[in-house]
Amino acid sequence: MYNERNSEFSIRDIVLQLLFVVLFVFILLWLFPTKTDINKLANKNNKGDVSLDALYARIFNENVLNMKEAGKDYFTTERVPKKIGDKVTITLGQMLEKKLLLPFVDSEGRQCDLTKSYIEVTKTTETEYTMKVNLSCTDAEDYILVPMGCYDFCKTDICEKEEVKPITNPGVRKDTTPKNPTPKNPTPKNPKPVTPKPKDPKDPKDPKNPEPKVEYLYEYTKVIPSKYSEWGKWSDWSTTYVRATDLIDVNTKVVENQVEKQIAVRKVTQEVPYTVTERVHIDNKVTINETCTKTGTVTKSTGQVVYGKWVYSGVRQYITPPKDTATTQYVRVANSSGDSLDCKTGCNTVYSNYKVYTRESYVVKQGVKTCLEYGNVTVTPIYINKKVTKYKTETTTSPVYGRVKVPVNYYQFRTRTIVAGSTDIKWSNYNDTKLLNNGYNYTGNRKIK
């Protein structure tokens, strides 16, 4: 009996737990609807006037305006470009590093591009600039242009140009509020501003405040932007390099000129004499401390040299004239220069032919009786320093020049300037469509005809 009740209780617990889980999931879905449900609900409640797209657009616009305000504070006189046409740029990433802005995200919850989002300031005239604020995010990318300059109303060195709104109804009187309000009715703490009803300028009178008809002239202005002047004349051709810019137009041509240039290297190898000092052994100093124990006859050179007959050995070729010796003679064959060339080095080495004669040499010797053995003999060699002429092989090089064709770049340029913008002012009647269609705007100023 106990086991059956225990089993029933366990099944009931499982069913209750499943019901609680289903109820919990339903509550989560009700509390956290999807993005599509929110958009549909917003469109339904507002009958299409407000949607999430409008909310995202507002967020995007607020981010652009935040960048604009940060750029206006950052670009002071020291940071704007100095020459007309020059530009300076700061990216969104650099602005975040400099703590000019707090980090923000787009409608997808992602950070906007830190490189493609930037502020660029271009100098247009001597006192005016254009600030471009570009924001690139995953869901949108757009920019605004902010005219800036040094104006009388600036509280800082550079500020945003104030756009004067045109007067839509210039005939409205400025003061239509009664001058004598009823004293019994106290004025509320936060009175609402009274909006005067516009008065048609063609109406000659106001029935409440009659006044004589006055005709006015209204001021119109048109901003003429800066522009480029016409191109000047082309300069003469020159080899001086010129870089093309917005203000410099460049033509280039290539001409082959004959110039003197090194084309090869000549090598000459020859025997060069030089003198050295050598230590030469000429004799021995013999010191005998005891009597000779053994004598005999030895053959010694007398120092005399005897030579045989000259024998013709044939013809040989030499780069440089060889030196005659006691046993060899060289006789140059006439007009033999250039008989042979060594073209391994560019055919620059010239050989000449020589007849070679040789002979044998003999040293005269004779027998001399001398002591062969001593009881105690000391032999000390004797040397002298003798200057000897020797020869060494040296190779010298020299450049060979010739005229070759070399391409040379020539440049021709012409220039133009930037014509500063201006503001054209005209006075005319109210609602002059000819001026309005031609780009003129009201300034709000008027004067009596």
Protein backbone atom coordinates (compact mmCIF):
# COMPACT_ATOMS: atom_id res chain seq x y z
CA MET A 1 0.00 0.00 0.00
CA TYR A 2 2.83 2.33 0.80
CA ASN A 3 4.58 1.64 -2.53
CA GLU A 4 1.44 2.47 -4.62
CA ARG A 5 1.01 5.87 -2.91
CA ASN A 6 4.67 6.67 -3.40
CA SER A 7 4.42 5.88 -7.15
CA GLU A 8 1.34 8.06 -7.59
CA PHE A 9 3.02 10.96 -5.82
CA SER A 10 6.06 10.82 -8.11
CA ILE A 11 3.95 10.94 -11.30
CA ARG A 12 2.01 13.89 -9.98
CA ASP A 13 5.24 15.77 -9.21
CA ILE A 14 6.50 15.22 -12.74
CA VAL A 15 3.27 16.53 -14.27
CA LEU A 16 3.37 19.64 -12.04
CA GLN A 17 6.98 20.33 -12.96
CA LEU A 18 6.17 20.13 -16.68
CA LEU A 19 3.31 22.55 -16.22
CA PHE A 20 5.58 24.99 -14.39
CA VAL A 21 8.16 24.79 -17.20
CA VAL A 22 5.57 25.50 -19.91
CA LEU A 23 4.19 28.41 -17.89
CA PHE A 24 7.72 29.84 -17.40
CA VAL A 25 8.49 29.69 -21.14
CA PHE A 26 5.19 31.42 -21.92
CA ILE A 27 5.96 34.22 -19.47
CA LEU A 28 9.44 34.71 -21.06
CA LEU A 29 7.94 34.98 -24.54
CA TRP A 30 5.39 37.48 -23.27
CA LEU A 31 8.01 39.60 -21.45
CA PHE A 32 10.67 39.49 -24.20
CA PRO A 33 9.03 39.65 -27.64
CA THR A 34 11.10 39.41 -30.82
CA LYS A 35 12.30 42.37 -32.88
CA THR A 36 9.69 41.64 -35.60
CA ASP A 37 6.88 41.60 -33.02
CA ILE A 38 8.03 44.95 -31.62
CA ASN A 39 8.19 46.48 -35.09
CA LYS A 40 4.70 45.19 -35.98
CA LEU A 41 3.31 46.42 -32.66
CA ALA A 42 4.88 49.86 -33.13
CA ASN A 43 3.51 50.13 -36.66
CA LYS A 44 0.07 48.98 -35.48
CA ASN A 45 -0.14 51.34 -32.51
CA ASN A 46 1.11 54.35 -34.45
CA LYS A 47 -0.72 53.58 -37.72
CA GLY A 48 2.52 53.65 -39.67
CA ASP A 49 3.75 57.02 -38.35
CA VAL A 50 6.50 55.59 -36.08
CA SER A 51 8.53 52.38 -36.60
CA LEU A 52 11.80 50.88 -35.52
CA ASP A 53 13.38 52.18 -38.75
CA ALA A 54 12.63 55.71 -37.63
CA LEU A 55 14.13 54.94 -34.23
CA TYR A 56 17.29 53.56 -35.87
CA ALA A 57 17.53 56.60 -38.12
CA ARG A 58 17.26 58.87 -35.09
CA ILE A 59 20.03 56.96 -33.32
CA PHE A 60 22.23 57.21 -36.45
CA ASN A 61 21.60 60.96 -36.72
CA GLU A 62 22.38 61.50 -33.04
CA ASN A 63 25.71 59.67 -33.49
CA VAL A 64 26.57 61.87 -36.49
CA LEU A 65 25.72 65.03 -34.51
CA ASN A 66 27.85 63.82 -31.57
CA MET A 67 30.79 63.37 -33.96
CA LYS A 68 30.11 66.83 -35.39
CA GLU A 69 30.18 68.53 -31.95
CA ALA A 70 33.38 66.67 -31.03
CA GLY A 71 34.96 67.76 -34.34
CA LYS A 72 34.04 71.40 -33.75
CA ASP A 73 35.81 71.29 -30.37
CA TYR A 74 38.85 69.45 -31.74
CA PHE A 75 39.62 71.43 -34.90
CA THR A 76 41.01 74.67 -33.52
CA THR A 77 43.20 77.14 -35.40
CA GLU A 78 46.31 75.02 -34.78
CA ARG A 79 44.73 71.83 -36.23
CA VAL A 80 43.01 73.08 -39.40
CA PRO A 81 44.84 73.12 -42.80
CA LYS A 82 46.90 76.21 -43.62
CA LYS A 83 46.66 76.30 -47.44
CA ILE A 84 43.54 76.53 -49.60
CA GLY A 85 42.65 73.06 -50.90
CA ASP A 86 44.55 71.18 -48.16
CA LYS A 87 42.77 68.65 -45.95
CA VAL A 88 43.24 67.16 -42.48
CA THR A 89 41.45 64.05 -41.22
CA ILE A 90 40.80 62.33 -37.89
CA THR A 91 39.18 58.88 -37.78
CA LEU A 92 36.57 57.67 -35.31
CA GLY A 93 39.17 55.34 -33.80
CA GLN A 94 41.54 58.26 -33.15
CA MET A 95 38.69 60.28 -31.63
CA LEU A 96 37.93 57.45 -29.20
CA GLU A 97 41.63 57.15 -28.31
CA LYS A 98 41.78 60.89 -27.57
CA LYS A 99 38.60 60.58 -25.45
CA LEU A 100 36.77 63.07 -27.68
CA LEU A 101 33.74 60.76 -27.80
CA LEU A 102 32.19 57.99 -25.76
CA PRO A 103 31.93 54.65 -27.60
CA PHE A 104 28.57 54.07 -29.33
CA VAL A 105 26.98 51.26 -31.36
CA ASP A 106 24.53 51.02 -34.27
CA SER A 107 21.07 49.43 -34.35
CA GLU A 108 22.63 45.97 -34.57
CA GLY A 109 24.54 46.53 -31.36
CA ARG A 110 27.86 46.63 -33.26
CA GLN A 111 30.55 49.24 -33.14
CA CYS A 112 30.72 51.47 -36.23
CA ASP A 113 33.76 51.26 -38.53
CA LEU A 114 36.67 53.03 -36.78
CA THR A 115 38.53 53.76 -40.04
CA LYS A 116 35.77 54.47 -42.58
CA SER A 117 34.09 56.76 -40.04
CA TYR A 118 36.00 60.04 -39.97
CA ILE A 119 35.93 63.85 -39.90
CA GLU A 120 37.69 65.69 -42.73
CA VAL A 121 38.30 69.46 -42.77
CA THR A 122 39.09 71.21 -46.10
CA LYS A 123 40.18 74.84 -46.37
CA THR A 124 38.03 76.52 -49.04
CA THR A 125 38.90 80.22 -48.64
CA GLU A 126 41.26 82.28 -46.51
CA THR A 127 38.80 82.30 -43.59
CA GLU A 128 36.35 79.45 -44.33
CA TYR A 129 36.45 75.66 -44.11
CA THR A 130 34.17 72.70 -44.86
CA MET A 131 33.97 69.92 -42.25
CA LYS A 132 32.77 66.56 -43.61
CA VAL A 133 31.40 64.19 -40.92
CA ASN A 134 31.18 60.63 -42.31
CA LEU A 135 29.72 57.74 -40.27
CA SER A 136 29.92 54.15 -41.56
CA CYS A 137 28.02 51.45 -39.63
CA THR A 138 26.69 47.99 -40.44
CA ASP A 139 23.16 49.25 -41.07
CA ALA A 140 23.82 52.68 -42.64
CA GLU A 141 26.50 55.00 -43.99
CA ASP A 142 26.10 58.73 -44.68
CA TYR A 143 27.76 62.10 -44.15
CA ILE A 144 27.00 65.77 -43.56
CA LEU A 145 28.89 68.92 -44.62
CA VAL A 146 29.34 71.63 -42.00
CA PRO A 147 30.53 75.09 -43.16
CA MET A 148 32.93 76.63 -40.65
CA GLY A 149 35.08 79.73 -40.47
CA CYS A 150 36.29 82.74 -38.52
CA TYR A 151 33.21 84.92 -38.04
CA ASP A 152 32.40 87.89 -35.80
CA PHE A 153 29.85 85.89 -33.82
CA CYS A 154 32.30 83.04 -32.99
CA LYS A 155 32.97 82.54 -29.31
CA THR A 156 36.11 80.55 -30.23
CA ASP A 157 38.67 80.94 -33.03
CA ILE A 158 36.61 78.81 -35.46
CA CYS A 159 32.91 78.00 -35.29
CA GLU A 160 30.04 76.72 -37.39
CA LYS A 161 28.54 79.13 -39.90
CA GLU A 162 25.07 80.26 -38.85
CA GLU A 163 22.49 79.77 -41.57
CA VAL A 164 19.94 82.65 -41.51
CA LYS A 165 16.42 81.34 -42.11
CA PRO A 166 14.46 83.25 -44.78
CA ILE A 167 11.44 85.32 -43.74
CA THR A 168 8.32 83.53 -44.95
CA ASN A 169 5.99 86.41 -44.10
CA PRO A 170 7.97 89.63 -43.73
CA GLY A 171 4.86 91.79 -43.23
CA VAL A 172 3.99 90.43 -39.78
CA ARG A 173 4.23 92.96 -36.99
CA LYS A 174 6.75 92.16 -34.32
CA ASP A 175 4.59 93.16 -31.37
CA THR A 176 0.89 92.21 -31.33
CA THR A 177 0.58 91.61 -27.58
CA PRO A 178 -1.78 94.07 -25.79
CA LYS A 179 0.20 96.69 -23.90
CA ASN A 180 -2.38 97.09 -21.08
CA PRO A 181 -3.31 93.66 -19.71
CA THR A 182 -6.12 93.43 -17.17
CA PRO A 183 -4.52 93.92 -13.72
CA LYS A 184 -7.12 91.80 -11.93
CA ASN A 185 -5.95 88.61 -13.59
CA PRO A 186 -2.51 87.66 -12.18
CA THR A 187 0.15 86.50 -14.64
CA PRO A 188 0.86 82.74 -14.33
CA LYS A 189 4.33 81.62 -13.26
CA ASN A 190 5.08 79.98 -16.62
CA PRO A 191 3.11 81.95 -19.21
CA LYS A 192 2.84 80.41 -22.67
CA PRO A 193 4.33 82.49 -25.48
CA VAL A 194 1.78 84.20 -27.66
CA THR A 195 2.22 83.35 -31.35
CA PRO A 196 1.16 86.34 -33.44
CA LYS A 197 -0.95 85.64 -36.45
CA PRO A 198 0.96 86.37 -39.67
CA LYS A 199 -0.15 89.39 -41.56
CA ASP A 200 -0.22 89.42 -45.32
CA PRO A 201 2.21 92.09 -46.56
CA LYS A 202 -0.30 93.00 -49.30
CA ASP A 203 -2.87 93.98 -46.68
CA PRO A 204 -2.52 97.78 -46.35
CA LYS A 205 -3.95 97.90 -42.86
CA ASP A 206 -4.30 95.95 -39.69
CA PRO A 207 -7.85 96.69 -38.42
CA LYS A 208 -6.68 96.68 -34.79
CA ASN A 209 -3.63 98.88 -35.34
CA PRO A 210 -4.17 101.04 -38.41
CA GLU A 211 -0.96 102.43 -39.91
CA PRO A 212 0.01 103.90 -43.25
CA LYS A 213 1.13 101.49 -45.98
CA VAL A 214 4.92 101.15 -46.18
CA GLU A 215 6.73 99.41 -49.02
CA TYR A 216 9.95 97.57 -48.28
CA LEU A 217 12.93 96.15 -50.12
CA TYR A 218 14.21 92.80 -48.88
CA GLU A 219 17.80 91.62 -48.79
CA TYR A 220 18.77 88.46 -50.71
CA THR A 221 22.17 86.77 -50.63
CA LYS A 222 23.79 84.05 -52.71
CA VAL A 223 26.99 82.25 -51.66
CA ILE A 224 29.30 81.84 -54.65
CA PRO A 225 31.65 78.94 -53.84
CA SER A 226 35.34 78.99 -54.60
CA LYS A 227 36.43 77.57 -57.95
CA TYR A 228 39.50 76.94 -60.07
CA SER A 229 40.79 79.52 -62.52
CA GLU A 230 41.54 78.74 -66.16
CA TRP A 231 44.76 76.85 -66.93
CA GLY A 232 47.78 79.01 -67.75
CA LYS A 233 50.23 78.55 -70.63
CA TRP A 234 52.42 75.45 -70.91
CA SER A 235 56.01 75.84 -69.74
CA ASP A 236 59.07 74.87 -71.79
CA TRP A 237 60.19 71.24 -71.73
CA SER A 238 62.69 70.49 -68.96
CA THR A 239 64.30 67.47 -67.31
CA THR A 240 63.32 68.78 -63.85
CA TYR A 241 60.68 66.48 -62.32
CA VAL A 242 57.27 68.08 -61.68
CA ARG A 243 54.51 66.33 -59.66
CA ALA A 244 50.93 66.70 -60.86
CA THR A 245 48.37 68.12 -58.37
CA ASP A 246 44.95 69.76 -58.52
CA LEU A 247 46.70 73.04 -59.32
CA ILE A 248 49.47 71.67 -61.60
CA ASP A 249 48.86 69.83 -64.91
CA VAL A 250 51.87 67.89 -66.22
CA ASN A 251 52.81 66.42 -69.62
CA THR A 252 55.65 63.89 -69.91
CA LYS A 253 57.69 62.62 -72.87
CA VAL A 254 60.71 60.34 -73.21
CA VAL A 255 63.59 61.23 -75.56
CA GLU A 256 66.62 59.03 -76.30
CA ASN A 257 69.84 61.08 -76.12
CA GLN A 258 73.39 60.11 -77.15
CA VAL A 259 75.62 60.33 -74.08
CA GLU A 260 79.21 59.40 -73.27
CA LYS A 261 79.15 56.33 -71.03
CA GLN A 262 81.53 53.58 -69.88
CA ILE A 263 80.89 50.47 -71.99
CA ALA A 264 83.81 48.15 -71.06
CA VAL A 265 86.93 47.68 -68.91
CA ARG A 266 90.42 47.18 -70.40
CA LYS A 267 92.84 44.92 -68.47
CA VAL A 268 96.64 45.04 -69.00
CA THR A 269 98.99 42.48 -67.38
CA GLN A 270 102.79 43.14 -67.28
CA GLU A 271 105.99 42.22 -65.44
CA VAL A 272 107.07 45.02 -63.10
CA PRO A 273 110.66 45.07 -61.70
CA TYR A 274 111.29 45.73 -58.05
CA THR A 275 114.36 45.68 -55.77
CA VAL A 276 114.65 43.73 -52.52
CA THR A 277 117.42 43.20 -50.02
CA GLU A 278 118.31 39.56 -49.34
CA ARG A 279 120.65 37.94 -46.87
CA VAL A 280 123.21 35.95 -48.91
CA HIS A 281 125.66 33.33 -47.48
CA ILE A 282 129.16 33.99 -48.92
CA ASP A 283 131.58 31.98 -46.75
CA ASN A 284 132.25 30.28 -43.47
CA LYS A 285 134.56 31.44 -40.71
CA VAL A 286 136.47 28.47 -39.41
CA THR A 287 138.06 28.66 -35.97
CA ILE A 288 140.58 25.93 -35.24
CA ASN A 289 141.42 25.44 -31.63
CA GLU A 290 143.57 22.34 -32.17
CA THR A 291 145.93 21.04 -34.83
CA CYS A 292 144.72 19.29 -37.96
CA THR A 293 144.28 15.55 -37.55
CA LYS A 294 143.58 14.73 -41.20
CA THR A 295 144.36 16.44 -44.50
CA GLY A 296 143.17 15.89 -48.05
CA THR A 297 142.29 17.45 -51.36
CA VAL A 298 138.81 18.91 -52.03
CA THR A 299 137.29 20.47 -55.10
CA LYS A 300 136.24 24.09 -54.72
CA SER A 301 134.83 26.64 -57.05
CA THR A 302 137.15 29.32 -58.23
CA GLY A 303 134.25 31.74 -58.77
CA GLN A 304 134.83 31.77 -62.51
CA VAL A 305 131.96 30.88 -64.87
CA VAL A 306 132.53 29.62 -68.39
CA TYR A 307 129.69 29.80 -71.01
CA GLY A 308 129.01 27.65 -74.05
CA LYS A 309 127.74 28.67 -77.50
CA TRP A 310 124.38 30.30 -78.13
CA VAL A 311 121.76 27.87 -79.38
CA TYR A 312 118.51 28.93 -81.16
CA SER A 313 115.51 27.62 -79.20
CA GLY A 314 112.55 28.87 -81.34
CA VAL A 315 109.97 31.68 -81.29
CA ARG A 316 107.84 32.48 -78.24
CA GLN A 317 105.11 35.02 -77.53
CA TYR A 318 105.14 37.46 -74.61
CA ILE A 319 102.78 40.20 -73.39
CA THR A 320 105.62 42.39 -72.11
CA PRO A 321 109.26 42.46 -73.31
CA PRO A 322 111.22 39.70 -71.49
CA LYS A 323 114.56 40.44 -69.79
CA ASP A 324 117.85 38.98 -71.10
CA THR A 325 119.91 36.86 -68.72
CA ALA A 326 123.41 35.38 -68.85
CA THR A 327 122.04 32.17 -70.34
CA THR A 328 119.00 33.43 -72.32
CA GLN A 329 118.56 36.13 -74.96
CA TYR A 330 115.33 37.46 -76.52
CA VAL A 331 115.25 39.05 -79.97
CA ARG A 332 111.91 40.68 -80.91
CA VAL A 333 110.64 39.85 -84.39
CA ALA A 334 109.98 43.10 -86.24
CA ASN A 335 106.29 44.16 -86.83
CA SER A 336 105.02 41.20 -84.85
CA SER A 337 102.74 43.18 -82.48
CA GLY A 338 99.18 41.99 -82.67
CA ASP A 339 100.03 38.59 -84.13
CA SER A 340 97.99 37.05 -81.36
CA LEU A 341 95.16 38.37 -79.16
CA ASP A 342 93.78 37.00 -75.91
CA CYS A 343 90.00 37.39 -76.47
CA LYS A 344 89.07 35.88 -73.12
CA THR A 345 89.41 39.39 -71.68
CA GLY A 346 87.64 41.31 -74.44
CA CYS A 347 90.53 41.11 -76.96
CA ASN A 348 92.46 43.73 -74.99
CA THR A 349 95.73 41.76 -74.37
CA VAL A 350 98.32 41.92 -77.20
CA TYR A 351 101.18 39.41 -77.61
CA SER A 352 104.49 39.94 -79.47
CA ASN A 353 106.86 37.31 -81.00
CA TYR A 354 110.44 36.87 -79.75
CA LYS A 355 113.31 34.60 -80.98
CA VAL A 356 114.88 32.81 -78.00
CA TYR A 357 118.59 31.84 -77.73
CA THR A 358 120.07 29.86 -74.82
CA ARG A 359 123.55 28.64 -73.75
CA GLU A 360 125.03 26.45 -71.05
CA SER A 361 127.09 27.80 -68.13
CA TYR A 362 129.89 26.00 -66.29
CA VAL A 363 131.58 26.83 -62.95
CA VAL A 364 135.38 26.38 -62.91
CA LYS A 365 136.54 24.20 -60.04
CA GLN A 366 140.01 23.07 -58.83
CA GLY A 367 141.48 20.77 -56.21
CA VAL A 368 142.68 22.40 -53.00
CA LYS A 369 144.62 20.70 -50.24
CA THR A 370 143.03 21.36 -46.91
CA CYS A 371 142.59 19.94 -43.49
CA LEU A 372 139.78 17.46 -43.38
CA GLU A 373 139.60 16.85 -39.67
CA TYR A 374 140.49 18.87 -36.62
CA GLY A 375 140.44 18.02 -33.05
CA ASN A 376 138.09 20.93 -32.30
CA VAL A 377 136.80 23.06 -35.17
CA THR A 378 134.14 25.85 -35.00
CA VAL A 379 132.53 26.90 -38.28
CA THR A 380 130.69 30.31 -38.32
CA PRO A 381 128.75 31.17 -41.52
CA ILE A 382 129.28 34.62 -43.01
CA TYR A 383 126.33 36.52 -44.59
CA ILE A 384 125.97 39.86 -46.37
CA ASN A 385 122.91 41.95 -47.25
CA LYS A 386 122.68 42.18 -51.02
CA LYS A 387 120.18 44.12 -53.16
CA VAL A 388 118.52 41.90 -55.75
CA THR A 389 116.25 42.92 -58.65
CA LYS A 390 113.14 40.74 -59.09
CA TYR A 391 109.97 40.87 -61.19
CA LYS A 392 106.30 40.56 -60.30
CA THR A 393 103.15 40.35 -62.42
CA GLU A 394 100.68 43.23 -62.08
CA THR A 395 97.27 43.70 -63.75
CA THR A 396 95.90 47.22 -64.24
CA THR A 397 92.39 48.16 -65.41
CA SER A 398 91.12 51.21 -67.27
CA PRO A 399 87.57 52.15 -68.39
CA VAL A 400 86.57 52.17 -72.04
CA TYR A 401 84.02 54.86 -73.01
CA GLY A 402 81.61 55.06 -75.92
CA ARG A 403 78.44 56.89 -76.99
CA VAL A 404 75.18 55.06 -76.20
CA LYS A 405 71.46 55.92 -76.31
CA VAL A 406 69.89 56.67 -72.91
CA PRO A 407 66.15 57.48 -72.36
CA VAL A 408 65.62 60.89 -70.70
CA ASN A 409 62.30 62.09 -69.21
CA TYR A 410 61.16 65.60 -70.09
CA TYR A 411 58.39 67.48 -68.26
CA GLN A 412 56.06 70.31 -69.27
CA PHE A 413 53.52 71.88 -66.91
CA ARG A 414 50.84 74.53 -66.55
CA THR A 415 49.22 75.93 -63.42
CA ARG A 416 45.95 77.34 -62.18
CA THR A 417 44.80 78.97 -58.94
CA ILE A 418 41.81 78.79 -56.62
CA VAL A 419 39.44 81.73 -56.95
CA ALA A 420 38.07 82.54 -53.51
CA GLY A 421 34.33 82.36 -53.02
CA SER A 422 32.16 85.39 -52.27
CA THR A 423 28.66 86.42 -51.20
CA ASP A 424 26.49 88.35 -53.66
CA ILE A 425 23.91 90.70 -52.05
CA LYS A 426 20.84 92.00 -53.82
CA TRP A 427 17.81 94.08 -52.69
CA SER A 428 14.44 93.40 -54.29
CA ASN A 429 10.73 93.04 -53.65
CA TYR A 430 9.24 90.36 -51.49
CA ASN A 431 9.11 86.85 -53.01
CA ASP A 432 11.25 87.67 -56.03
CA THR A 433 10.97 84.27 -57.75
CA LYS A 434 13.68 85.13 -60.24
CA LEU A 435 16.22 85.55 -57.44
CA LEU A 436 14.90 82.61 -55.40
CA ASN A 437 15.07 80.27 -58.41
CA ASN A 438 18.60 81.49 -59.09
CA GLY A 439 19.87 80.35 -55.68
CA TYR A 440 19.36 83.52 -53.60
CA ASN A 441 17.96 83.32 -50.05
CA TYR A 442 16.36 85.79 -47.64
CA THR A 443 18.62 87.21 -44.94
CA GLY A 444 15.81 88.67 -42.81
CA ASN A 445 16.91 92.28 -43.40
CA ARG A 446 14.65 94.82 -45.05
CA LYS A 447 14.60 98.55 -45.72
CA ILE A 448 12.05 101.13 -46.78
CA LYS A 449 11.96 101.88 -50.49
